[in-house]
Amino acid sequence: MSESDFAREVLRVWPRARIACFEPLEKPAEQIEALRASAPGVELHRGVLGPEFRQEVEFNMAETASSVLREHHATHPTSKVTQWTIDSAVHDWYAGEAPDLLKLDVQGYELHVLKGGAASLPRVGAILAEVNLLDIHQGVPLLDELVGWLAGHGFVAYDICGMTRRPLDGALWQIDMLFVPRDSALRSDKRWGQ
């Protein structure tokens, strides 16, 4: 699901939602711009999120697997993009208001992005993130590291929303996981059945 498709789905459920999209690639950015014409709550920031602000980071452009991280066995064209942090975006553009839902689809850069949001995370209601089981990209944190880091910041796994298998051998590459604060209302009902 593309970022603009996800934004459309969010708007279908929550029509008055305010959505901040960070997109360095031209074609997806054009799709988000087209959505903005009918959805004024959608904002586009041309760049990426990461652990610290950088005027320029190298970005590997790989169709549906673009990332700040390089793949082990493939090379792709690169471009230079601006990198912000969650905390700087929340502070500078959203008057300190942390997102209710943080969706991360950054091809292995999830933990790096989260580290740039340490001050904002206690106010985030849920995190939907791709979690890697195979390190296709260099330096990618795997499931145990990401889950452990989030647990250390008060988040627990709540749901598995999707899976992606590697075409080479069918091995499980990534899972889309929803994390919520340990004390989330979503976890309050401890019953099994009626």
C-alpha atoms as a PDB file:
ATOM      1  CA  MET A   1       0.000   0.000   0.000  1.00  0.00           C
ATOM      2  CA  SER A   2       1.481   3.339  -1.019  1.00  0.00           C
ATOM      3  CA  GLU A   3       1.663   6.283   1.369  1.00  0.00           C
ATOM      4  CA  SER A   4      -1.136   8.037  -0.527  1.00  0.00           C
ATOM      5  CA  ASP A   5      -3.278   4.861  -0.402  1.00  0.00           C
ATOM      6  CA  PHE A   6      -2.732   4.633   3.350  1.00  0.00           C
ATOM      7  CA  ALA A   7      -3.623   8.313   3.756  1.00  0.00           C
ATOM      8  CA  ARG A   8      -6.835   7.763   1.747  1.00  0.00           C
ATOM      9  CA  GLU A   9      -7.778   4.845   3.992  1.00  0.00           C
ATOM     10  CA  VAL A  10      -7.118   6.909   7.128  1.00  0.00           C
ATOM     11  CA  LEU A  11      -9.283   9.713   5.723  1.00  0.00           C
ATOM     12  CA  ARG A  12     -12.053   7.232   4.921  1.00  0.00           C
ATOM     13  CA  VAL A  13     -12.164   6.216   8.606  1.00  0.00           C
ATOM     14  CA  TRP A  14     -11.276   9.625  10.112  1.00  0.00           C
ATOM     15  CA  PRO A  15     -12.289  12.271   7.533  1.00  0.00           C
ATOM     16  CA  ARG A  16     -10.954  15.178   9.614  1.00  0.00           C
ATOM     17  CA  ALA A  17      -7.565  13.599  10.329  1.00  0.00           C
ATOM     18  CA  ARG A  18      -4.420  15.644   9.936  1.00  0.00           C
ATOM     19  CA  ILE A  19      -1.811  13.572   8.099  1.00  0.00           C
ATOM     20  CA  ALA A  20       1.893  14.396   7.795  1.00  0.00           C
ATOM     21  CA  CYS A  21       3.593  12.531   4.942  1.00  0.00           C
ATOM     22  CA  PHE A  22       7.377  12.435   4.584  1.00  0.00           C
ATOM     23  CA  GLU A  23       8.244  11.366   1.050  1.00  0.00           C
ATOM     24  CA  PRO A  24      11.521  11.829  -0.844  1.00  0.00           C
ATOM     25  CA  LEU A  25      10.482  10.134  -4.113  1.00  0.00           C
ATOM     26  CA  GLU A  26       8.939  12.116  -6.970  1.00  0.00           C
ATOM     27  CA  LYS A  27       6.114   9.790  -8.080  1.00  0.00           C
ATOM     28  CA  PRO A  28       4.712   9.058  -4.588  1.00  0.00           C
ATOM     29  CA  ALA A  29       5.035  12.771  -3.743  1.00  0.00           C
ATOM     30  CA  GLU A  30       2.943  13.603  -6.828  1.00  0.00           C
ATOM     31  CA  GLN A  31       0.274  11.133  -5.647  1.00  0.00           C
ATOM     32  CA  ILE A  32       0.229  12.774  -2.222  1.00  0.00           C
ATOM     33  CA  GLU A  33      -0.010  16.224  -3.838  1.00  0.00           C
ATOM     34  CA  ALA A  34      -2.995  14.995  -5.877  1.00  0.00           C
ATOM     35  CA  LEU A  35      -4.651  13.779  -2.663  1.00  0.00           C
ATOM     36  CA  ARG A  36      -3.999  17.146  -1.001  1.00  0.00           C
ATOM     37  CA  ALA A  37      -6.231  18.804  -3.607  1.00  0.00           C
ATOM     38  CA  SER A  38      -9.269  17.138  -2.010  1.00  0.00           C
ATOM     39  CA  ALA A  39      -7.930  16.641   1.520  1.00  0.00           C
ATOM     40  CA  PRO A  40      -6.591  19.822   3.112  1.00  0.00           C
ATOM     41  CA  GLY A  41      -5.537  17.921   6.244  1.00  0.00           C
ATOM     42  CA  VAL A  42      -2.777  16.135   4.314  1.00  0.00           C
ATOM     43  CA  GLU A  43       0.666  17.728   4.452  1.00  0.00           C
ATOM     44  CA  LEU A  44       3.699  16.720   2.404  1.00  0.00           C
ATOM     45  CA  HIS A  45       7.289  17.114   3.557  1.00  0.00           C
ATOM     46  CA  ARG A  46       9.832  16.280   0.855  1.00  0.00           C
ATOM     47  CA  GLY A  47      12.474  14.289   2.705  1.00  0.00           C
ATOM     48  CA  VAL A  48      12.889  11.569   5.312  1.00  0.00           C
ATOM     49  CA  LEU A  49      12.839  11.110   9.073  1.00  0.00           C
ATOM     50  CA  GLY A  50      15.832   9.831  11.021  1.00  0.00           C
ATOM     51  CA  PRO A  51      17.752   9.977  14.305  1.00  0.00           C
ATOM     52  CA  GLU A  52      19.049  13.537  13.792  1.00  0.00           C
ATOM     53  CA  PHE A  53      18.570  16.505  11.496  1.00  0.00           C
ATOM     54  CA  ARG A  54      20.810  16.455   8.434  1.00  0.00           C
ATOM     55  CA  GLN A  55      20.589  18.824   5.510  1.00  0.00           C
ATOM     56  CA  GLU A  56      21.585  15.978   3.188  1.00  0.00           C
ATOM     57  CA  VAL A  57      21.530  12.202   3.544  1.00  0.00           C
ATOM     58  CA  GLU A  58      22.080   9.715   0.756  1.00  0.00           C
ATOM     59  CA  PHE A  59      18.836   8.019  -0.215  1.00  0.00           C
ATOM     60  CA  ASN A  60      18.802   4.765  -2.230  1.00  0.00           C
ATOM     61  CA  MET A  61      15.960   4.844  -4.772  1.00  0.00           C
ATOM     62  CA  ALA A  62      14.678   1.306  -5.311  1.00  0.00           C
ATOM     63  CA  GLU A  63      11.076   1.442  -6.572  1.00  0.00           C
ATOM     64  CA  THR A  64       9.159  -0.094  -3.633  1.00  0.00           C
ATOM     65  CA  ALA A  65      12.157  -0.685  -1.331  1.00  0.00           C
ATOM     66  CA  SER A  66      13.800   2.744  -1.201  1.00  0.00           C
ATOM     67  CA  SER A  67      15.760   3.463   1.965  1.00  0.00           C
ATOM     68  CA  VAL A  68      18.481   5.485   3.589  1.00  0.00           C
ATOM     69  CA  LEU A  69      20.092   2.063   4.111  1.00  0.00           C
ATOM     70  CA  ARG A  70      21.838   0.242   1.254  1.00  0.00           C
ATOM     71  CA  GLU A  71      20.954  -3.281   0.207  1.00  0.00           C
ATOM     72  CA  HIS A  72      23.617  -5.986   0.598  1.00  0.00           C
ATOM     73  CA  HIS A  73      23.436  -7.310  -2.969  1.00  0.00           C
ATOM     74  CA  ALA A  74      22.009  -4.557  -5.138  1.00  0.00           C
ATOM     75  CA  THR A  75      22.911  -1.024  -6.044  1.00  0.00           C
ATOM     76  CA  HIS A  76      20.372   1.632  -6.887  1.00  0.00           C
ATOM     77  CA  PRO A  77      20.506   5.243  -8.001  1.00  0.00           C
ATOM     78  CA  THR A  78      20.874   7.645  -5.099  1.00  0.00           C
ATOM     79  CA  SER A  79      19.821  11.180  -4.351  1.00  0.00           C
ATOM     80  CA  LYS A  80      20.474  13.615  -1.529  1.00  0.00           C
ATOM     81  CA  VAL A  81      17.472  14.420   0.675  1.00  0.00           C
ATOM     82  CA  THR A  82      16.845  16.345   3.890  1.00  0.00           C
ATOM     83  CA  GLN A  83      16.406  14.316   7.069  1.00  0.00           C
ATOM     84  CA  TRP A  84      14.321  15.617   9.983  1.00  0.00           C
ATOM     85  CA  THR A  85      13.453  13.972  13.287  1.00  0.00           C
ATOM     86  CA  ILE A  86      10.020  13.146  14.654  1.00  0.00           C
ATOM     87  CA  ASP A  87      10.747  15.474  17.561  1.00  0.00           C
ATOM     88  CA  SER A  88      11.732  18.401  15.325  1.00  0.00           C
ATOM     89  CA  ALA A  89       8.678  17.889  13.102  1.00  0.00           C
ATOM     90  CA  VAL A  90       6.349  17.719  16.118  1.00  0.00           C
ATOM     91  CA  HIS A  91       7.933  20.820  17.656  1.00  0.00           C
ATOM     92  CA  ASP A  92       8.442  22.959  14.530  1.00  0.00           C
ATOM     93  CA  TRP A  93       5.396  22.117  12.407  1.00  0.00           C
ATOM     94  CA  TYR A  94       2.759  20.692  14.743  1.00  0.00           C
ATOM     95  CA  ALA A  95       2.991  22.948  17.825  1.00  0.00           C
ATOM     96  CA  GLY A  96       4.261  20.093  19.992  1.00  0.00           C
ATOM     97  CA  GLU A  97       1.287  17.846  19.204  1.00  0.00           C
ATOM     98  CA  ALA A  98       2.546  14.271  18.785  1.00  0.00           C
ATOM     99  CA  PRO A  99       0.721  12.008  16.317  1.00  0.00           C
ATOM    100  CA  ASP A 100      -2.011   9.663  17.487  1.00  0.00           C
ATOM    101  CA  LEU A 101      -0.760   7.121  14.927  1.00  0.00           C
ATOM    102  CA  LEU A 102       2.792   6.953  13.634  1.00  0.00           C
ATOM    103  CA  LYS A 103       3.184   4.823  10.488  1.00  0.00           C
ATOM    104  CA  LEU A 104       6.719   3.880   9.488  1.00  0.00           C
ATOM    105  CA  ASP A 105       7.449   2.320   6.096  1.00  0.00           C
ATOM    106  CA  VAL A 106      11.148   3.094   5.755  1.00  0.00           C
ATOM    107  CA  GLN A 107      12.737  -0.210   4.705  1.00  0.00           C
ATOM    108  CA  GLY A 108      14.780  -1.015   7.782  1.00  0.00           C
ATOM    109  CA  TYR A 109      15.282   2.552   9.014  1.00  0.00           C
ATOM    110  CA  GLU A 110      12.441   2.303  11.562  1.00  0.00           C
ATOM    111  CA  LEU A 111      14.594   2.201  14.697  1.00  0.00           C
ATOM    112  CA  HIS A 112      16.687   5.117  13.441  1.00  0.00           C
ATOM    113  CA  VAL A 113      13.496   7.131  12.900  1.00  0.00           C
ATOM    114  CA  LEU A 114      12.135   6.208  16.338  1.00  0.00           C
ATOM    115  CA  LYS A 115      15.360   7.328  18.023  1.00  0.00           C
ATOM    116  CA  GLY A 116      14.683  10.787  16.608  1.00  0.00           C
ATOM    117  CA  GLY A 117      11.338  10.829  18.407  1.00  0.00           C
ATOM    118  CA  ALA A 118      12.254   9.953  21.990  1.00  0.00           C
ATOM    119  CA  ALA A 119      10.628  13.109  23.418  1.00  0.00           C
ATOM    120  CA  SER A 120       7.412  12.685  21.397  1.00  0.00           C
ATOM    121  CA  LEU A 121       6.886   8.921  21.748  1.00  0.00           C
ATOM    122  CA  PRO A 122       5.310   9.034  25.239  1.00  0.00           C
ATOM    123  CA  ARG A 123       2.417  10.977  23.647  1.00  0.00           C
ATOM    124  CA  VAL A 124       1.986   8.705  20.588  1.00  0.00           C
ATOM    125  CA  GLY A 125      -1.105   6.473  20.677  1.00  0.00           C
ATOM    126  CA  ALA A 126       0.086   3.726  18.311  1.00  0.00           C
ATOM    127  CA  ILE A 127       2.969   2.882  15.984  1.00  0.00           C
ATOM    128  CA  LEU A 128       2.492   0.874  12.785  1.00  0.00           C
ATOM    129  CA  ALA A 129       5.913  -0.249  11.604  1.00  0.00           C
ATOM    130  CA  GLU A 130       7.526  -2.642   9.187  1.00  0.00           C
ATOM    131  CA  VAL A 131       9.661  -5.019  11.227  1.00  0.00           C
ATOM    132  CA  ASN A 132      12.450  -6.965   9.538  1.00  0.00           C
ATOM    133  CA  LEU A 133      13.255 -10.628  10.049  1.00  0.00           C
ATOM    134  CA  LEU A 134      15.920 -10.668   7.307  1.00  0.00           C
ATOM    135  CA  ASP A 135      18.567  -8.011   6.857  1.00  0.00           C
ATOM    136  CA  ILE A 136      18.235  -7.317   3.119  1.00  0.00           C
ATOM    137  CA  HIS A 137      19.508  -3.793   3.829  1.00  0.00           C
ATOM    138  CA  GLN A 138      22.849  -3.174   5.539  1.00  0.00           C
ATOM    139  CA  GLY A 139      22.623  -2.290   9.227  1.00  0.00           C
ATOM    140  CA  VAL A 140      18.927  -3.066   9.515  1.00  0.00           C
ATOM    141  CA  PRO A 141      17.721  -3.717  13.079  1.00  0.00           C
ATOM    142  CA  LEU A 142      15.826  -7.003  13.219  1.00  0.00           C
ATOM    143  CA  LEU A 143      12.626  -7.861  15.081  1.00  0.00           C
ATOM    144  CA  ASP A 144      14.241  -8.551  18.455  1.00  0.00           C
ATOM    145  CA  GLU A 145      16.106  -5.234  18.518  1.00  0.00           C
ATOM    146  CA  LEU A 146      13.118  -3.125  17.451  1.00  0.00           C
ATOM    147  CA  VAL A 147      10.675  -4.856  19.817  1.00  0.00           C
ATOM    148  CA  GLY A 148      13.180  -4.560  22.675  1.00  0.00           C
ATOM    149  CA  TRP A 149      13.782  -0.859  22.029  1.00  0.00           C
ATOM    150  CA  LEU A 150      10.056  -0.137  21.881  1.00  0.00           C
ATOM    151  CA  ALA A 151       9.475  -2.149  25.082  1.00  0.00           C
ATOM    152  CA  GLY A 152      12.108   0.004  26.770  1.00  0.00           C
ATOM    153  CA  HIS A 153      10.050   3.032  25.727  1.00  0.00           C
ATOM    154  CA  GLY A 154       6.733   1.672  27.006  1.00  0.00           C
ATOM    155  CA  PHE A 155       5.326   0.076  23.821  1.00  0.00           C
ATOM    156  CA  VAL A 156       4.180  -3.516  23.319  1.00  0.00           C
ATOM    157  CA  ALA A 157       3.162  -5.459  20.228  1.00  0.00           C
ATOM    158  CA  TYR A 158      -0.605  -5.356  19.736  1.00  0.00           C
ATOM    159  CA  ASP A 159      -1.217  -6.848  16.283  1.00  0.00           C
ATOM    160  CA  ILE A 160       0.431  -8.246  13.172  1.00  0.00           C
ATOM    161  CA  CYS A 161      -1.208  -6.503  10.224  1.00  0.00           C
ATOM    162  CA  GLY A 162       0.637  -7.960   7.254  1.00  0.00           C
ATOM    163  CA  MET A 163       3.570 -10.040   6.068  1.00  0.00           C
ATOM    164  CA  THR A 164       5.971  -9.866   3.129  1.00  0.00           C
ATOM    165  CA  ARG A 165       7.930 -12.882   1.953  1.00  0.00           C
ATOM    166  CA  ARG A 166      11.166 -12.804  -0.009  1.00  0.00           C
ATOM    167  CA  PRO A 167      10.599 -13.962  -3.624  1.00  0.00           C
ATOM    168  CA  LEU A 168      13.914 -15.853  -3.639  1.00  0.00           C
ATOM    169  CA  ASP A 169      12.780 -18.607  -1.262  1.00  0.00           C
ATOM    170  CA  GLY A 170       9.536 -17.551   0.410  1.00  0.00           C
ATOM    171  CA  ALA A 171      11.316 -16.678   3.662  1.00  0.00           C
ATOM    172  CA  LEU A 172       9.479 -14.188   5.842  1.00  0.00           C
ATOM    173  CA  TRP A 173      11.198 -10.830   5.267  1.00  0.00           C
ATOM    174  CA  GLN A 174       9.009  -8.223   6.985  1.00  0.00           C
ATOM    175  CA  ILE A 175       5.900  -8.029   9.103  1.00  0.00           C
ATOM    176  CA  ASP A 176       3.754  -4.960   9.649  1.00  0.00           C
ATOM    177  CA  MET A 177       3.234  -4.706  13.398  1.00  0.00           C
ATOM    178  CA  LEU A 178       1.061  -2.401  15.449  1.00  0.00           C
ATOM    179  CA  PHE A 179       2.594  -1.304  18.759  1.00  0.00           C
ATOM    180  CA  VAL A 180       0.655   0.493  21.489  1.00  0.00           C
ATOM    181  CA  PRO A 181       1.596   1.858  24.908  1.00  0.00           C
ATOM    182  CA  ARG A 182       1.523  -0.855  27.557  1.00  0.00           C
ATOM    183  CA  ASP A 183      -1.340   0.980  29.311  1.00  0.00           C
ATOM    184  CA  SER A 184      -3.332   1.600  26.098  1.00  0.00           C
ATOM    185  CA  ALA A 185      -7.121   1.402  26.287  1.00  0.00           C
ATOM    186  CA  LEU A 186      -6.875  -1.120  23.430  1.00  0.00           C
ATOM    187  CA  ARG A 187      -5.324  -3.567  25.920  1.00  0.00           C
ATOM    188  CA  SER A 188      -7.629  -2.850  28.867  1.00  0.00           C
ATOM    189  CA  ASP A 189     -10.124  -5.696  28.347  1.00  0.00           C
ATOM    190  CA  LYS A 190      -8.457  -8.875  29.645  1.00  0.00           C
ATOM    191  CA  ARG A 191     -11.388 -11.225  28.921  1.00  0.00           C
ATOM    192  CA  TRP A 192     -11.072 -14.083  26.432  1.00  0.00           C
ATOM    193  CA  GLY A 193     -14.739 -14.354  25.434  1.00  0.00           C
ATOM    194  CA  GLN A 194     -18.186 -13.050  26.372  1.00  0.00           C
END
